[in-house]
Amino acid sequence: MISDASSMLLQQKIHKRGDRALICRETRLQLSADQHQLVLSRYVEQYTPQGVRWIERQHRVAVSDVLRWLIAQGESSVSSLERANML
């Protein structure tokens, strides 16, 4: 499984398939080394009597694109604080 201290574990599952197979899945989110991209990693391991198979997939998106999407799709709220004699 993936083990990086700088990543955030989103999901980890272990599933037994029948009497002879075990499947481990893990999903993590982290920033790229240059901190310009978010990286979503999906890792799967399958243990069977025939051996171990694994695959890792990574999906990348620019942080600036994520922020633009959040601003466009998210709900905005406004908070303010008024103090007497602020100016």
PDB file of N, CA and C in Angstrom:
ATOM      1  N   MET A   1       0.829  -1.179   0.000  1.00  0.00           N
ATOM      2  CA  MET A   1       0.000   0.000   0.000  1.00  0.00           C
ATOM      3  C   MET A   1       0.878   1.250   0.000  1.00  0.00           C
ATOM      4  N   ILE A   2       0.292   2.338  -0.409  1.00  0.00           N
ATOM      5  CA  ILE A   2       1.001   3.609  -0.444  1.00  0.00           C
ATOM      6  C   ILE A   2       1.190   4.098   0.983  1.00  0.00           C
ATOM      7  N   SER A   3       2.351   4.593   1.304  1.00  0.00           N
ATOM      8  CA  SER A   3       2.535   5.153   2.642  1.00  0.00           C
ATOM      9  C   SER A   3       3.434   6.371   2.539  1.00  0.00           C
ATOM     10  N   ASP A   4       2.814   7.532   2.466  1.00  0.00           N
ATOM     11  CA  ASP A   4       3.538   8.780   2.362  1.00  0.00           C
ATOM     12  C   ASP A   4       3.018   9.704   3.454  1.00  0.00           C
ATOM     13  N   ALA A   5       3.911  10.175   4.299  1.00  0.00           N
ATOM     14  CA  ALA A   5       3.504  10.997   5.435  1.00  0.00           C
ATOM     15  C   ALA A   5       2.871  12.310   4.994  1.00  0.00           C
ATOM     16  N   SER A   6       3.185  12.796   3.792  1.00  0.00           N
ATOM     17  CA  SER A   6       2.643  14.072   3.340  1.00  0.00           C
ATOM     18  C   SER A   6       1.310  13.919   2.609  1.00  0.00           C
ATOM     19  N   SER A   7       0.786  12.723   2.511  1.00  0.00           N
ATOM     20  CA  SER A   7      -0.489  12.528   1.826  1.00  0.00           C
ATOM     21  C   SER A   7      -1.613  12.326   2.839  1.00  0.00           C
ATOM     22  N   MET A   8      -2.835  12.552   2.389  1.00  0.00           N
ATOM     23  CA  MET A   8      -4.017  12.382   3.225  1.00  0.00           C
ATOM     24  C   MET A   8      -4.743  11.111   2.797  1.00  0.00           C
ATOM     25  N   LEU A   9      -4.915  10.198   3.720  1.00  0.00           N
ATOM     26  CA  LEU A   9      -5.622   8.958   3.442  1.00  0.00           C
ATOM     27  C   LEU A   9      -7.116   9.252   3.365  1.00  0.00           C
ATOM     28  N   LEU A  10      -7.725   9.009   2.206  1.00  0.00           N
ATOM     29  CA  LEU A  10      -9.151   9.245   2.022  1.00  0.00           C
ATOM     30  C   LEU A  10      -9.970   7.981   2.267  1.00  0.00           C
ATOM     31  N   GLN A  11      -9.424   6.846   1.850  1.00  0.00           N
ATOM     32  CA  GLN A  11     -10.169   5.591   1.987  1.00  0.00           C
ATOM     33  C   GLN A  11      -9.188   4.423   2.024  1.00  0.00           C
ATOM     34  N   GLN A  12      -9.503   3.450   2.874  1.00  0.00           N
ATOM     35  CA  GLN A  12      -8.713   2.223   2.932  1.00  0.00           C
ATOM     36  C   GLN A  12      -9.676   1.071   3.220  1.00  0.00           C
ATOM     37  N   LYS A  13      -9.690   0.093   2.331  1.00  0.00           N
ATOM     38  CA  LYS A  13     -10.599  -1.048   2.484  1.00  0.00           C
ATOM     39  C   LYS A  13      -9.835  -2.345   2.262  1.00  0.00           C
ATOM     40  N   ILE A  14     -10.213  -3.349   3.025  1.00  0.00           N
ATOM     41  CA  ILE A  14      -9.715  -4.702   2.818  1.00  0.00           C
ATOM     42  C   ILE A  14     -10.937  -5.582   2.642  1.00  0.00           C
ATOM     43  N   HIS A  15     -10.966  -6.312   1.554  1.00  0.00           N
ATOM     44  CA  HIS A  15     -12.139  -7.111   1.197  1.00  0.00           C
ATOM     45  C   HIS A  15     -11.706  -8.535   0.893  1.00  0.00           C
ATOM     46  N   LYS A  16     -12.368  -9.485   1.526  1.00  0.00           N
ATOM     47  CA  LYS A  16     -12.078 -10.893   1.264  1.00  0.00           C
ATOM     48  C   LYS A  16     -13.034 -11.375   0.182  1.00  0.00           C
ATOM     49  N   ARG A  17     -12.493 -11.917  -0.883  1.00  0.00           N
ATOM     50  CA  ARG A  17     -13.302 -12.432  -1.981  1.00  0.00           C
ATOM     51  C   ARG A  17     -13.198 -13.949  -1.977  1.00  0.00           C
ATOM     52  N   GLY A  18     -14.253 -14.582  -1.527  1.00  0.00           N
ATOM     53  CA  GLY A  18     -14.223 -16.038  -1.437  1.00  0.00           C
ATOM     54  C   GLY A  18     -13.271 -16.497  -0.349  1.00  0.00           C
ATOM     55  N   ASP A  19     -12.839 -17.754  -0.464  1.00  0.00           N
ATOM     56  CA  ASP A  19     -11.925 -18.312   0.526  1.00  0.00           C
ATOM     57  C   ASP A  19     -10.458 -18.098   0.184  1.00  0.00           C
ATOM     58  N   ARG A  20     -10.196 -17.645  -1.042  1.00  0.00           N
ATOM     59  CA  ARG A  20      -8.807 -17.691  -1.490  1.00  0.00           C
ATOM     60  C   ARG A  20      -8.236 -16.369  -1.982  1.00  0.00           C
ATOM     61  N   ALA A  21      -9.000 -15.269  -1.901  1.00  0.00           N
ATOM     62  CA  ALA A  21      -8.476 -14.001  -2.403  1.00  0.00           C
ATOM     63  C   ALA A  21      -8.727 -12.880  -1.400  1.00  0.00           C
ATOM     64  N   LEU A  22      -7.787 -11.962  -1.338  1.00  0.00           N
ATOM     65  CA  LEU A  22      -7.885 -10.798  -0.475  1.00  0.00           C
ATOM     66  C   LEU A  22      -7.553  -9.578  -1.321  1.00  0.00           C
ATOM     67  N   ILE A  23      -8.405  -8.556  -1.255  1.00  0.00           N
ATOM     68  CA  ILE A  23      -8.188  -7.348  -2.051  1.00  0.00           C
ATOM     69  C   ILE A  23      -8.057  -6.163  -1.096  1.00  0.00           C
ATOM     70  N   CYS A  24      -6.994  -5.386  -1.264  1.00  0.00           N
ATOM     71  CA  CYS A  24      -6.754  -4.196  -0.457  1.00  0.00           C
ATOM     72  C   CYS A  24      -6.799  -2.979  -1.383  1.00  0.00           C
ATOM     73  N   ARG A  25      -7.572  -1.966  -0.992  1.00  0.00           N
ATOM     74  CA  ARG A  25      -7.705  -0.740  -1.784  1.00  0.00           C
ATOM     75  C   ARG A  25      -7.370   0.453  -0.902  1.00  0.00           C
ATOM     76  N   GLU A  26      -6.709   1.432  -1.521  1.00  0.00           N
ATOM     77  CA  GLU A  26      -6.350   2.640  -0.784  1.00  0.00           C
ATOM     78  C   GLU A  26      -6.425   3.834  -1.725  1.00  0.00           C
ATOM     79  N   THR A  27      -6.983   4.935  -1.225  1.00  0.00           N
ATOM     80  CA  THR A  27      -7.067   6.179  -1.991  1.00  0.00           C
ATOM     81  C   THR A  27      -6.453   7.291  -1.153  1.00  0.00           C
ATOM     82  N   ARG A  28      -5.539   8.044  -1.754  1.00  0.00           N
ATOM     83  CA  ARG A  28      -4.836   9.132  -1.053  1.00  0.00           C
ATOM     84  C   ARG A  28      -4.840  10.396  -1.902  1.00  0.00           C
ATOM     85  N   LEU A  29      -4.729  11.550  -1.227  1.00  0.00           N
ATOM     86  CA  LEU A  29      -4.649  12.849  -1.878  1.00  0.00           C
ATOM     87  C   LEU A  29      -3.426  13.570  -1.348  1.00  0.00           C
ATOM     88  N   GLN A  30      -2.670  14.186  -2.242  1.00  0.00           N
ATOM     89  CA  GLN A  30      -1.484  14.938  -1.824  1.00  0.00           C
ATOM     90  C   GLN A  30      -1.171  16.029  -2.835  1.00  0.00           C
ATOM     91  N   LEU A  31      -0.311  16.943  -2.435  1.00  0.00           N
ATOM     92  CA  LEU A  31       0.203  17.962  -3.343  1.00  0.00           C
ATOM     93  C   LEU A  31       1.432  17.419  -4.057  1.00  0.00           C
ATOM     94  N   SER A  32       1.610  17.834  -5.295  1.00  0.00           N
ATOM     95  CA  SER A  32       2.819  17.453  -6.022  1.00  0.00           C
ATOM     96  C   SER A  32       4.032  18.113  -5.369  1.00  0.00           C
ATOM     97  N   ALA A  33       5.213  17.681  -5.741  1.00  0.00           N
ATOM     98  CA  ALA A  33       6.442  18.212  -5.137  1.00  0.00           C
ATOM     99  C   ALA A  33       6.563  19.722  -5.327  1.00  0.00           C
ATOM    100  N   ASP A  34       6.116  20.239  -6.479  1.00  0.00           N
ATOM    101  CA  ASP A  34       6.186  21.686  -6.719  1.00  0.00           C
ATOM    102  C   ASP A  34       4.971  22.432  -6.162  1.00  0.00           C
ATOM    103  N   GLN A  35       4.032  21.715  -5.567  1.00  0.00           N
ATOM    104  CA  GLN A  35       2.819  22.235  -4.939  1.00  0.00           C
ATOM    105  C   GLN A  35       1.888  22.947  -5.918  1.00  0.00           C
ATOM    106  N   HIS A  36       1.982  22.628  -7.194  1.00  0.00           N
ATOM    107  CA  HIS A  36       1.107  23.224  -8.206  1.00  0.00           C
ATOM    108  C   HIS A  36      -0.028  22.298  -8.618  1.00  0.00           C
ATOM    109  N   GLN A  37       0.032  21.033  -8.219  1.00  0.00           N
ATOM    110  CA  GLN A  37      -0.997  20.080  -8.612  1.00  0.00           C
ATOM    111  C   GLN A  37      -1.465  19.266  -7.407  1.00  0.00           C
ATOM    112  N   LEU A  38      -2.759  18.900  -7.444  1.00  0.00           N
ATOM    113  CA  LEU A  38      -3.286  17.909  -6.507  1.00  0.00           C
ATOM    114  C   LEU A  38      -3.172  16.558  -7.180  1.00  0.00           C
ATOM    115  N   VAL A  39      -2.735  15.555  -6.435  1.00  0.00           N
ATOM    116  CA  VAL A  39      -2.548  14.216  -6.980  1.00  0.00           C
ATOM    117  C   VAL A  39      -3.424  13.250  -6.188  1.00  0.00           C
ATOM    118  N   LEU A  40      -4.348  12.596  -6.890  1.00  0.00           N
ATOM    119  CA  LEU A  40      -5.196  11.565  -6.293  1.00  0.00           C
ATOM    120  C   LEU A  40      -4.617  10.220  -6.713  1.00  0.00           C
ATOM    121  N   SER A  41      -4.212   9.396  -5.754  1.00  0.00           N
ATOM    122  CA  SER A  41      -3.618   8.087  -6.027  1.00  0.00           C
ATOM    123  C   SER A  41      -4.582   6.992  -5.600  1.00  0.00           C
ATOM    124  N   ARG A  42      -4.823   6.042  -6.483  1.00  0.00           N
ATOM    125  CA  ARG A  42      -5.663   4.883  -6.169  1.00  0.00           C
ATOM    126  C   ARG A  42      -4.803   3.636  -6.348  1.00  0.00           C
ATOM    127  N   TYR A  43      -4.732   2.837  -5.289  1.00  0.00           N
ATOM    128  CA  TYR A  43      -3.849   1.676  -5.253  1.00  0.00           C
ATOM    129  C   TYR A  43      -4.678   0.442  -4.904  1.00  0.00           C
ATOM    130  N   VAL A  44      -4.465  -0.651  -5.635  1.00  0.00           N
ATOM    131  CA  VAL A  44      -5.171  -1.905  -5.377  1.00  0.00           C
ATOM    132  C   VAL A  44      -4.164  -3.040  -5.364  1.00  0.00           C
ATOM    133  N   GLU A  45      -4.241  -3.886  -4.331  1.00  0.00           N
ATOM    134  CA  GLU A  45      -3.436  -5.113  -4.241  1.00  0.00           C
ATOM    135  C   GLU A  45      -4.384  -6.295  -4.153  1.00  0.00           C
ATOM    136  N   GLN A  46      -4.044  -7.365  -4.869  1.00  0.00           N
ATOM    137  CA  GLN A  46      -4.847  -8.586  -4.805  1.00  0.00           C
ATOM    138  C   GLN A  46      -3.927  -9.749  -4.468  1.00  0.00           C
ATOM    139  N   TYR A  47      -4.263 -10.427  -3.373  1.00  0.00           N
ATOM    140  CA  TYR A  47      -3.505 -11.599  -2.923  1.00  0.00           C
ATOM    141  C   TYR A  47      -4.318 -12.847  -3.235  1.00  0.00           C
ATOM    142  N   THR A  48      -3.720 -13.779  -3.981  1.00  0.00           N
ATOM    143  CA  THR A  48      -4.347 -15.063  -4.289  1.00  0.00           C
ATOM    144  C   THR A  48      -3.300 -16.158  -4.123  1.00  0.00           C
ATOM    145  N   PRO A  49      -3.703 -17.418  -4.130  1.00  0.00           N
ATOM    146  CA  PRO A  49      -2.710 -18.496  -4.064  1.00  0.00           C
ATOM    147  C   PRO A  49      -1.714 -18.455  -5.238  1.00  0.00           C
ATOM    148  N   GLN A  50      -2.122 -17.842  -6.342  1.00  0.00           N
ATOM    149  CA  GLN A  50      -1.236 -17.745  -7.508  1.00  0.00           C
ATOM    150  C   GLN A  50      -0.207 -16.622  -7.367  1.00  0.00           C
ATOM    151  N   GLY A  51      -0.388 -15.719  -6.426  1.00  0.00           N
ATOM    152  CA  GLY A  51       0.580 -14.647  -6.238  1.00  0.00           C
ATOM    153  C   GLY A  51      -0.089 -13.326  -5.892  1.00  0.00           C
ATOM    154  N   VAL A  52       0.688 -12.261  -5.997  1.00  0.00           N
ATOM    155  CA  VAL A  52       0.220 -10.916  -5.661  1.00  0.00           C
ATOM    156  C   VAL A  52       0.239 -10.077  -6.932  1.00  0.00           C
ATOM    157  N   ARG A  53      -0.863  -9.342  -7.134  1.00  0.00           N
ATOM    158  CA  ARG A  53      -0.930  -8.384  -8.249  1.00  0.00           C
ATOM    159  C   ARG A  53      -1.289  -7.032  -7.653  1.00  0.00           C
ATOM    160  N   TRP A  54      -0.733  -5.974  -8.228  1.00  0.00           N
ATOM    161  CA  TRP A  54      -1.059  -4.641  -7.750  1.00  0.00           C
ATOM    162  C   TRP A  54      -1.065  -3.652  -8.907  1.00  0.00           C
ATOM    163  N   ILE A  55      -1.800  -2.571  -8.719  1.00  0.00           N
ATOM    164  CA  ILE A  55      -1.833  -1.503  -9.713  1.00  0.00           C
ATOM    165  C   ILE A  55      -2.055  -0.183  -8.981  1.00  0.00           C
ATOM    166  N   GLU A  56      -1.397   0.862  -9.454  1.00  0.00           N
ATOM    167  CA  GLU A  56      -1.594   2.203  -8.899  1.00  0.00           C
ATOM    168  C   GLU A  56      -1.922   3.147 -10.042  1.00  0.00           C
ATOM    169  N   ARG A  57      -2.958   3.941  -9.846  1.00  0.00           N
ATOM    170  CA  ARG A  57      -3.345   4.956 -10.821  1.00  0.00           C
ATOM    171  C   ARG A  57      -3.251   6.318 -10.153  1.00  0.00           C
ATOM    172  N   GLN A  58      -2.766   7.306 -10.903  1.00  0.00           N
ATOM    173  CA  GLN A  58      -2.692   8.666 -10.375  1.00  0.00           C
ATOM    174  C   GLN A  58      -3.445   9.612 -11.304  1.00  0.00           C
ATOM    175  N   HIS A  59      -4.180  10.513 -10.687  1.00  0.00           N
ATOM    176  CA  HIS A  59      -4.914  11.541 -11.414  1.00  0.00           C
ATOM    177  C   HIS A  59      -4.396  12.879 -10.904  1.00  0.00           C
ATOM    178  N   ARG A  60      -4.076  13.787 -11.813  1.00  0.00           N
ATOM    179  CA  ARG A  60      -3.517  15.091 -11.435  1.00  0.00           C
ATOM    180  C   ARG A  60      -4.378  16.223 -11.976  1.00  0.00           C
ATOM    181  N   VAL A  61      -4.477  17.289 -11.172  1.00  0.00           N
ATOM    182  CA  VAL A  61      -5.184  18.492 -11.605  1.00  0.00           C
ATOM    183  C   VAL A  61      -4.478  19.692 -10.979  1.00  0.00           C
ATOM    184  N   ALA A  62      -4.407  20.777 -11.732  1.00  0.00           N
ATOM    185  CA  ALA A  62      -3.758  21.989 -11.240  1.00  0.00           C
ATOM    186  C   ALA A  62      -4.555  22.561 -10.070  1.00  0.00           C
ATOM    187  N   VAL A  63      -3.857  22.997  -9.023  1.00  0.00           N
ATOM    188  CA  VAL A  63      -4.508  23.589  -7.860  1.00  0.00           C
ATOM    189  C   VAL A  63      -5.313  24.816  -8.279  1.00  0.00           C
ATOM    190  N   SER A  64      -4.785  25.605  -9.202  1.00  0.00           N
ATOM    191  CA  SER A  64      -5.506  26.800  -9.663  1.00  0.00           C
ATOM    192  C   SER A  64      -6.827  26.417 -10.330  1.00  0.00           C
ATOM    193  N   ASP A  65      -6.866  25.306 -11.063  1.00  0.00           N
ATOM    194  CA  ASP A  65      -8.123  24.845 -11.674  1.00  0.00           C
ATOM    195  C   ASP A  65      -9.130  24.422 -10.611  1.00  0.00           C
ATOM    196  N   VAL A  66      -8.658  23.764  -9.555  1.00  0.00           N
ATOM    197  CA  VAL A  66      -9.542  23.349  -8.466  1.00  0.00           C
ATOM    198  C   VAL A  66     -10.125  24.577  -7.772  1.00  0.00           C
ATOM    199  N   LEU A  67      -9.300  25.579  -7.512  1.00  0.00           N
ATOM    200  CA  LEU A  67      -9.791  26.790  -6.856  1.00  0.00           C
ATOM    201  C   LEU A  67     -10.808  27.525  -7.726  1.00  0.00           C
ATOM    202  N   ARG A  68     -10.546  27.625  -9.037  1.00  0.00           N
ATOM    203  CA  ARG A  68     -11.515  28.253  -9.953  1.00  0.00           C
ATOM    204  C   ARG A  68     -12.835  27.501  -9.938  1.00  0.00           C
ATOM    205  N   TRP A  69     -12.780  26.172  -9.934  1.00  0.00           N
ATOM    206  CA  TRP A  69     -13.991  25.364  -9.916  1.00  0.00           C
ATOM    207  C   TRP A  69     -14.764  25.580  -8.609  1.00  0.00           C
ATOM    208  N   LEU A  70     -14.046  25.613  -7.480  1.00  0.00           N
ATOM    209  CA  LEU A  70     -14.701  25.846  -6.192  1.00  0.00           C
ATOM    210  C   LEU A  70     -15.410  27.193  -6.155  1.00  0.00           C
ATOM    211  N   ILE A  71     -14.765  28.214  -6.668  1.00  0.00           N
ATOM    212  CA  ILE A  71     -15.372  29.548  -6.683  1.00  0.00           C
ATOM    213  C   ILE A  71     -16.610  29.557  -7.578  1.00  0.00           C
ATOM    214  N   ALA A  72     -16.529  28.900  -8.723  1.00  0.00           N
ATOM    215  CA  ALA A  72     -17.658  28.868  -9.661  1.00  0.00           C
ATOM    216  C   ALA A  72     -18.813  28.011  -9.153  1.00  0.00           C
ATOM    217  N   GLN A  73     -18.516  26.908  -8.463  1.00  0.00           N
ATOM    218  CA  GLN A  73     -19.551  25.957  -8.077  1.00  0.00           C
ATOM    219  C   GLN A  73     -20.020  26.092  -6.633  1.00  0.00           C
ATOM    220  N   GLY A  74     -19.205  26.654  -5.788  1.00  0.00           N
ATOM    221  CA  GLY A  74     -19.516  26.679  -4.365  1.00  0.00           C
ATOM    222  C   GLY A  74     -20.474  27.790  -3.975  1.00  0.00           C
ATOM    223  N   GLU A  75     -21.016  27.678  -2.785  1.00  0.00           N
ATOM    224  CA  GLU A  75     -21.875  28.718  -2.228  1.00  0.00           C
ATOM    225  C   GLU A  75     -20.996  29.741  -1.523  1.00  0.00           C
ATOM    226  N   SER A  76     -21.266  31.002  -1.785  1.00  0.00           N
ATOM    227  CA  SER A  76     -20.471  32.026  -1.109  1.00  0.00           C
ATOM    228  C   SER A  76     -21.223  32.518   0.115  1.00  0.00           C
ATOM    229  N   SER A  77     -20.486  32.944   1.088  1.00  0.00           N
ATOM    230  CA  SER A  77     -21.064  33.561   2.276  1.00  0.00           C
ATOM    231  C   SER A  77     -20.189  34.742   2.644  1.00  0.00           C
ATOM    232  N   VAL A  78     -20.807  35.743   3.228  1.00  0.00           N
ATOM    233  CA  VAL A  78     -20.077  36.956   3.580  1.00  0.00           C
ATOM    234  C   VAL A  78     -20.172  37.152   5.078  1.00  0.00           C
ATOM    235  N   SER A  79     -19.050  37.397   5.691  1.00  0.00           N
ATOM    236  CA  SER A  79     -18.999  37.718   7.114  1.00  0.00           C
ATOM    237  C   SER A  79     -18.344  39.079   7.251  1.00  0.00           C
ATOM    238  N   SER A  80     -18.801  39.848   8.206  1.00  0.00           N
ATOM    239  CA  SER A  80     -18.149  41.137   8.419  1.00  0.00           C
ATOM    240  C   SER A  80     -18.122  41.448   9.909  1.00  0.00           C
ATOM    241  N   LEU A  81     -17.226  42.291  10.249  1.00  0.00           N
ATOM    242  CA  LEU A  81     -17.090  42.731  11.633  1.00  0.00           C
ATOM    243  C   LEU A  81     -17.049  44.238  11.602  1.00  0.00           C
ATOM    244  N   GLU A  82     -17.923  44.871  12.352  1.00  0.00           N
ATOM    245  CA  GLU A  82     -17.923  46.327  12.432  1.00  0.00           C
ATOM    246  C   GLU A  82     -17.511  46.729  13.829  1.00  0.00           C
ATOM    247  N   ARG A  83     -16.605  47.662  13.893  1.00  0.00           N
ATOM    248  CA  ARG A  83     -16.165  48.196  15.190  1.00  0.00           C
ATOM    249  C   ARG A  83     -16.323  49.703  15.147  1.00  0.00           C
ATOM    250  N   ALA A  84     -16.717  50.244  16.248  1.00  0.00           N
ATOM    251  CA  ALA A  84     -16.806  51.693  16.348  1.00  0.00           C
ATOM    252  C   ALA A  84     -15.414  52.290  16.278  1.00  0.00           C
ATOM    253  N   ASN A  85     -15.279  53.375  15.592  1.00  0.00           N
ATOM    254  CA  ASN A  85     -14.016  54.129  15.493  1.00  0.00           C
ATOM    255  C   ASN A  85     -12.915  53.315  14.824  1.00  0.00           C
ATOM    256  N   MET A  86     -13.269  52.454  13.845  1.00  0.00           N
ATOM    257  CA  MET A  86     -12.238  51.681  13.140  1.00  0.00           C
ATOM    258  C   MET A  86     -11.364  52.578  12.290  1.00  0.00           C
ATOM    259  N   LEU A  87     -11.915  53.597  11.725  1.00  0.00           N
ATOM    260  CA  LEU A  87     -11.125  54.454  10.836  1.00  0.00           C
ATOM    261  C   LEU A  87     -10.604  55.636  11.513  1.00  0.00           C
TER     262      LEU A  87
END
